[in-house]
Amino acid sequence: MKWSVHQLRKLQSKGLTIDEKVDLSDIVKRGGEIRDISPVHITGRGDIFSTHVTFHLRIQGELILPCARTLVDVPYEFDIETDETFILTSTDEETGEDVHYIEQDIVDLQPVVEELIVLQVPIQVFSDEQNPEGAAPQSGHDWQVITEEDQEQKVDPRLSVLQDYFKDKKD
């Protein structure tokens, strides 16, 4: 997913179609929450002009992230649609969120795709399994993980005497 400016100018009249599976496993080494990534399927097209190239991309794949509650692996699918513009000549002063300037006459989509994937990682993901194997412990000596519903139903032991107070008044 690298092209020189010269290669892109040759494709200007034909256009550029992208349909590739790319291995982006280096994204795991960034030290974030991503534990693994499947090969990423990138489809789209590139509209090539004399001053810039605009890529209309769809990026699909699956990440393996840690469950926020149990730390087990959770698959998380992503599907990103984006338009990214690369400026080919230094005279064009276009600015914007999706505008990139090229270095050494090479247009490289990989760093942009990696950045888009990292931005899609949610703050928390949760496993659907109740007690997955290899999960972090849910209880220990004098503690346990409880849900909000359990907390609402639990009566403070200091107030347990008052629990039956209104039952006596109705009779």
Protein backbone atom coordinates (compact mmCIF):
# COMPACT_ATOMS: atom_id res chain seq x y z
CA MET A 1 0.00 0.00 0.00
CA LYS A 2 2.81 2.29 -1.01
CA TRP A 3 3.03 4.20 -4.25
CA SER A 4 5.48 6.70 -5.59
CA VAL A 5 4.14 9.96 -7.00
CA HIS A 6 5.37 8.84 -10.42
CA GLN A 7 3.35 5.59 -10.21
CA LEU A 8 0.24 7.51 -9.16
CA ARG A 9 0.57 9.97 -12.03
CA LYS A 10 0.67 7.02 -14.47
CA LEU A 11 -2.57 5.72 -12.95
CA GLN A 12 -4.27 9.14 -13.12
CA SER A 13 -6.27 8.34 -16.26
CA LYS A 14 -7.13 4.77 -15.19
CA GLY A 15 -7.85 5.32 -11.53
CA LEU A 16 -6.75 3.15 -8.63
CA THR A 17 -8.79 0.31 -7.13
CA ILE A 18 -7.81 -1.19 -3.79
CA ASP A 19 -8.84 -4.63 -2.55
CA GLU A 20 -6.19 -6.09 -0.26
CA LYS A 21 -5.75 -8.07 2.93
CA VAL A 22 -2.95 -6.54 4.97
CA ASP A 23 -1.08 -7.90 7.97
CA LEU A 24 -0.88 -5.09 10.54
CA SER A 25 0.36 -7.20 13.45
CA ASP A 26 2.97 -4.51 14.28
CA ILE A 27 0.11 -2.52 15.79
CA VAL A 28 0.23 -4.88 18.81
CA LYS A 29 3.76 -3.68 19.62
CA ARG A 30 2.54 -0.13 20.23
CA GLY A 31 1.83 -1.08 23.83
CA GLY A 32 -1.89 -0.33 23.88
CA GLU A 33 -4.80 -2.56 24.75
CA ILE A 34 -4.67 -4.45 21.46
CA ARG A 35 -3.58 -8.06 22.06
CA ASP A 36 -3.96 -9.32 18.49
CA ILE A 37 -5.35 -8.27 15.12
CA SER A 38 -6.63 -10.36 12.22
CA PRO A 39 -5.54 -9.56 8.66
CA VAL A 40 -7.24 -6.29 7.75
CA HIS A 41 -9.34 -6.15 4.58
CA ILE A 42 -9.03 -2.79 2.83
CA THR A 43 -11.22 -1.92 -0.12
CA GLY A 44 -11.83 1.31 -1.96
CA ARG A 45 -10.55 3.53 -4.68
CA GLY A 46 -8.10 6.35 -5.19
CA ASP A 47 -9.04 9.47 -7.13
CA ILE A 48 -5.81 10.88 -8.54
CA PHE A 49 -5.49 14.55 -9.45
CA SER A 50 -2.48 16.64 -10.39
CA THR A 51 -2.07 18.13 -6.90
CA HIS A 52 -3.52 15.45 -4.62
CA VAL A 53 -4.84 11.91 -4.26
CA THR A 54 -8.03 11.15 -2.35
CA PHE A 55 -8.56 7.61 -1.10
CA HIS A 56 -12.09 6.43 -0.30
CA LEU A 57 -11.51 3.43 1.94
CA ARG A 58 -13.40 0.79 3.87
CA ILE A 59 -11.29 -0.95 6.52
CA GLN A 60 -12.57 -4.16 8.12
CA GLY A 61 -11.06 -6.58 10.60
CA GLU A 62 -11.12 -7.96 14.11
CA LEU A 63 -9.15 -6.97 17.19
CA ILE A 64 -8.57 -9.04 20.31
CA LEU A 65 -8.95 -6.81 23.39
CA PRO A 66 -8.96 -7.55 27.14
CA CYS A 67 -12.29 -7.74 28.95
CA ALA A 68 -12.56 -4.81 31.37
CA ARG A 69 -14.01 -7.08 34.06
CA THR A 70 -12.18 -10.41 33.72
CA LEU A 71 -9.16 -9.66 31.47
CA VAL A 72 -9.95 -12.56 29.09
CA ASP A 73 -9.60 -12.08 25.34
CA VAL A 74 -12.64 -10.52 23.67
CA PRO A 75 -13.01 -10.30 19.87
CA TYR A 76 -14.01 -6.82 18.67
CA GLU A 77 -14.93 -6.31 15.02
CA PHE A 78 -14.37 -2.94 13.36
CA ASP A 79 -15.64 -1.48 10.11
CA ILE A 80 -14.26 1.96 9.23
CA GLU A 81 -15.19 4.11 6.25
CA THR A 82 -12.96 7.10 5.58
CA ASP A 83 -11.75 9.56 2.98
CA GLU A 84 -8.05 10.43 3.20
CA THR A 85 -6.31 13.03 1.03
CA PHE A 86 -2.58 13.09 0.31
CA ILE A 87 -1.08 16.31 -1.04
CA LEU A 88 1.31 15.59 -3.94
CA THR A 89 2.70 19.06 -4.51
CA SER A 90 3.96 21.44 -1.85
CA THR A 91 2.21 24.44 -3.43
CA ASP A 92 -1.26 23.25 -2.45
CA GLU A 93 -2.17 24.71 0.95
CA GLU A 94 -5.19 22.52 1.68
CA THR A 95 -5.67 21.78 5.36
CA GLY A 96 -8.07 19.57 7.20
CA GLU A 97 -8.46 16.61 9.45
CA ASP A 98 -8.04 14.02 6.71
CA VAL A 99 -5.20 15.73 4.78
CA HIS A 100 -1.71 14.21 4.80
CA TYR A 101 1.54 15.47 3.36
CA ILE A 102 3.84 12.97 1.69
CA GLU A 103 7.50 12.45 2.46
CA GLN A 104 10.16 11.60 -0.14
CA ASP A 105 7.59 11.33 -2.96
CA ILE A 106 5.99 8.20 -1.43
CA VAL A 107 2.32 7.82 -0.53
CA ASP A 108 2.05 5.24 2.25
CA LEU A 109 -1.41 4.26 3.47
CA GLN A 110 -0.29 1.86 6.22
CA PRO A 111 0.44 4.44 8.98
CA VAL A 112 -2.89 6.14 8.29
CA VAL A 113 -4.80 2.84 8.45
CA GLU A 114 -3.03 1.87 11.69
CA GLU A 115 -3.93 5.21 13.25
CA LEU A 116 -7.58 4.83 12.25
CA ILE A 117 -7.71 1.35 13.81
CA VAL A 118 -6.12 2.51 17.07
CA LEU A 119 -8.70 5.33 17.26
CA GLN A 120 -11.50 2.73 16.98
CA VAL A 121 -10.46 0.86 20.14
CA PRO A 122 -13.22 1.35 22.73
CA ILE A 123 -12.45 2.31 26.32
CA GLN A 124 -14.02 -0.90 27.65
CA VAL A 125 -15.19 -4.20 26.20
CA PHE A 126 -16.89 -6.97 28.14
CA SER A 127 -16.93 -10.73 27.63
CA ASP A 128 -20.34 -12.36 27.11
CA GLU A 129 -19.35 -15.42 29.15
CA GLN A 130 -20.33 -15.49 32.83
CA ASN A 131 -17.29 -17.35 34.21
CA PRO A 132 -14.69 -17.61 31.45
CA GLU A 133 -11.69 -19.87 31.97
CA GLY A 134 -8.54 -17.98 32.90
CA ALA A 135 -10.44 -14.93 34.08
CA ALA A 136 -9.40 -12.67 36.91
CA PRO A 137 -10.86 -13.81 40.26
CA GLN A 138 -14.30 -12.48 41.13
CA SER A 139 -13.94 -12.93 44.91
CA GLY A 140 -11.31 -13.33 47.57
CA HIS A 141 -10.70 -12.98 51.31
CA ASP A 142 -13.27 -10.41 52.56
CA TRP A 143 -14.21 -9.14 49.09
CA GLN A 144 -16.23 -10.03 45.99
CA VAL A 145 -17.34 -8.36 42.79
CA ILE A 146 -21.04 -7.48 42.91
CA THR A 147 -23.39 -6.01 40.35
CA GLU A 148 -25.36 -2.81 40.78
CA GLU A 149 -28.55 -4.87 41.19
CA ASP A 150 -27.02 -6.86 44.05
CA GLN A 151 -25.91 -3.63 45.69
CA GLU A 152 -29.41 -2.12 45.48
CA GLN A 153 -31.05 -5.22 47.02
CA LYS A 154 -28.53 -5.50 49.83
CA VAL A 155 -29.64 -3.99 53.15
CA ASP A 156 -27.08 -2.28 55.36
CA PRO A 157 -26.75 -4.50 58.47
CA ARG A 158 -26.94 -1.43 60.73
CA LEU A 159 -30.39 -0.67 59.33
CA SER A 160 -31.72 -4.24 59.25
CA VAL A 161 -33.75 -3.62 62.43
CA LEU A 162 -35.71 -0.90 60.63
CA GLN A 163 -36.55 -3.23 57.75
CA ASP A 164 -39.50 -4.73 59.65
CA TYR A 165 -40.64 -1.42 61.22
CA PHE A 166 -43.37 -0.62 58.71
CA LYS A 167 -44.63 -4.20 58.56
CA ASP A 168 -45.73 -3.93 62.21
CA LYS A 169 -47.51 -0.59 61.64
CA LYS A 170 -49.80 -1.96 58.87
CA ASP A 171 -51.30 -4.66 61.12
